[in-house]
Amino acid sequence: MSKVKKNIYGFLRGSFLTEESAFKNWKIIIFIVFLMLIMITSSLNIDKKVIKISELNKRKRELRAEYIDTGTILMRMKMESTIRAKAKERGLGPSETPPKKIKVTIKQ
């Protein structure tokens, strides 16, 4: 058997973990597993944050639309024609005599 085939066969059997110098290999493997766990945890946290940001943006768009609708309704309610129609329903009308200016003088 050639050296390459022996190395591949030894790797597949896991002999690099059971040899005398395996302690050095175990340290590297444990370090790599630790880094992989950190990477997985980090990616899951990022995914949660992206979903939360998406939900907040959607809620922001909904609130903005509601704000604009409410502003439009308020503008319609403030229009003079709307106010006159509501006043007419209650039996009120515009004054037929113009307002008078009142002057107050203080004597000392």
Protein backbone atom coordinates (compact mmCIF):
# COMPACT_ATOMS: atom_id res chain seq x y z
CA MET A 1 0.00 0.00 0.00
CA SER A 2 1.30 3.46 -0.82
CA LYS A 3 1.95 6.09 1.80
CA VAL A 4 -0.99 8.25 0.65
CA LYS A 5 -3.42 5.33 0.93
CA LYS A 6 -2.07 4.49 4.41
CA ASN A 7 -2.54 8.10 5.54
CA ILE A 8 -6.09 8.25 4.21
CA TYR A 9 -6.94 4.86 5.73
CA GLY A 10 -5.40 5.91 9.05
CA PHE A 11 -7.37 9.17 9.02
CA LEU A 12 -10.64 7.36 8.29
CA ARG A 13 -9.98 4.88 11.10
CA GLY A 14 -9.25 7.72 13.50
CA SER A 15 -5.75 6.60 14.35
CA PHE A 16 -4.67 10.27 14.61
CA LEU A 17 -6.76 10.41 17.78
CA THR A 18 -5.36 7.28 19.40
CA GLU A 19 -1.64 7.68 18.76
CA GLU A 20 0.86 8.86 21.36
CA SER A 21 0.89 12.40 19.98
CA ALA A 22 -2.91 12.52 19.96
CA PHE A 23 -3.05 14.97 22.88
CA LYS A 24 -1.87 17.74 20.59
CA ASN A 25 -4.56 16.77 18.07
CA TRP A 26 -7.27 16.70 20.75
CA LYS A 27 -6.39 20.25 21.82
CA ILE A 28 -6.81 21.50 18.27
CA ILE A 29 -10.05 19.56 17.76
CA ILE A 30 -11.55 20.89 20.99
CA PHE A 31 -10.50 24.43 20.05
CA ILE A 32 -12.11 24.10 16.60
CA VAL A 33 -15.32 22.67 18.10
CA PHE A 34 -15.42 25.57 20.56
CA LEU A 35 -15.03 28.08 17.73
CA MET A 36 -17.77 26.33 15.75
CA LEU A 37 -20.14 26.52 18.73
CA ILE A 38 -19.43 30.23 19.10
CA MET A 39 -20.06 30.73 15.38
CA ILE A 40 -23.37 28.84 15.47
CA THR A 41 -24.57 30.74 18.54
CA SER A 42 -23.58 34.04 16.99
CA SER A 43 -25.36 33.30 13.71
CA LEU A 44 -28.56 32.29 15.56
CA ASN A 45 -28.50 35.52 17.56
CA ILE A 46 -28.00 37.53 14.38
CA ASP A 47 -30.93 35.76 12.72
CA LYS A 48 -33.16 36.59 15.69
CA LYS A 49 -32.13 40.24 15.52
CA VAL A 50 -32.76 40.42 11.76
CA ILE A 51 -36.26 38.99 12.25
CA LYS A 52 -36.93 41.47 15.07
CA ILE A 53 -35.73 44.38 12.89
CA SER A 54 -38.00 43.22 10.08
CA GLU A 55 -41.01 43.08 12.42
CA LEU A 56 -40.23 46.53 13.82
CA ASN A 57 -39.92 48.01 10.32
CA LYS A 58 -43.28 46.52 9.38
CA ARG A 59 -44.85 47.95 12.56
CA LYS A 60 -43.25 51.34 11.82
CA ARG A 61 -44.81 51.40 8.33
CA GLU A 62 -48.22 50.51 9.79
CA LEU A 63 -47.99 53.26 12.42
CA ARG A 64 -46.88 55.80 9.81
CA ALA A 65 -49.88 54.93 7.63
CA GLU A 66 -52.19 55.25 10.64
CA TYR A 67 -50.63 58.63 11.52
CA ILE A 68 -51.21 59.93 7.99
CA ASP A 69 -54.81 58.67 7.98
CA THR A 70 -55.51 60.28 11.34
CA GLY A 71 -53.99 63.57 10.15
CA THR A 72 -56.20 63.51 7.06
CA ILE A 73 -59.30 62.91 9.16
CA LEU A 74 -58.32 65.76 11.49
CA MET A 75 -57.80 68.14 8.57
CA ARG A 76 -61.26 67.30 7.23
CA MET A 77 -62.78 67.90 10.68
CA LYS A 78 -61.09 71.33 10.91
CA MET A 79 -62.39 72.55 7.54
CA GLU A 80 -64.77 75.49 7.79
CA SER A 81 -67.42 73.79 5.66
CA THR A 82 -67.48 70.77 8.00
CA ILE A 83 -67.74 72.98 11.06
CA ARG A 84 -70.57 75.01 9.48
CA ALA A 85 -72.49 71.84 8.61
CA LYS A 86 -72.17 70.48 12.16
CA ALA A 87 -73.17 73.87 13.62
CA LYS A 88 -76.19 73.99 11.31
CA GLU A 89 -77.27 70.54 12.56
CA ARG A 90 -77.32 71.97 16.09
CA GLY A 91 -79.27 75.03 15.01
CA LEU A 92 -76.38 77.47 15.03
CA GLY A 93 -75.59 79.88 12.22
CA PRO A 94 -73.21 82.68 11.42
CA SER A 95 -73.79 86.02 13.12
CA GLU A 96 -75.62 88.61 11.03
CA THR A 97 -74.17 91.60 12.87
CA PRO A 98 -70.45 92.23 12.72
CA PRO A 99 -68.46 92.06 15.95
CA LYS A 100 -67.77 95.29 17.88
CA LYS A 101 -64.48 96.30 19.41
CA ILE A 102 -64.58 97.05 23.13
CA LYS A 103 -62.11 99.53 24.59
CA VAL A 104 -61.30 99.56 28.27
CA THR A 105 -59.84 102.73 29.80
CA ILE A 106 -58.42 102.82 33.27
CA LYS A 107 -58.73 106.05 35.26
CA GLN A 108 -56.24 106.82 37.94
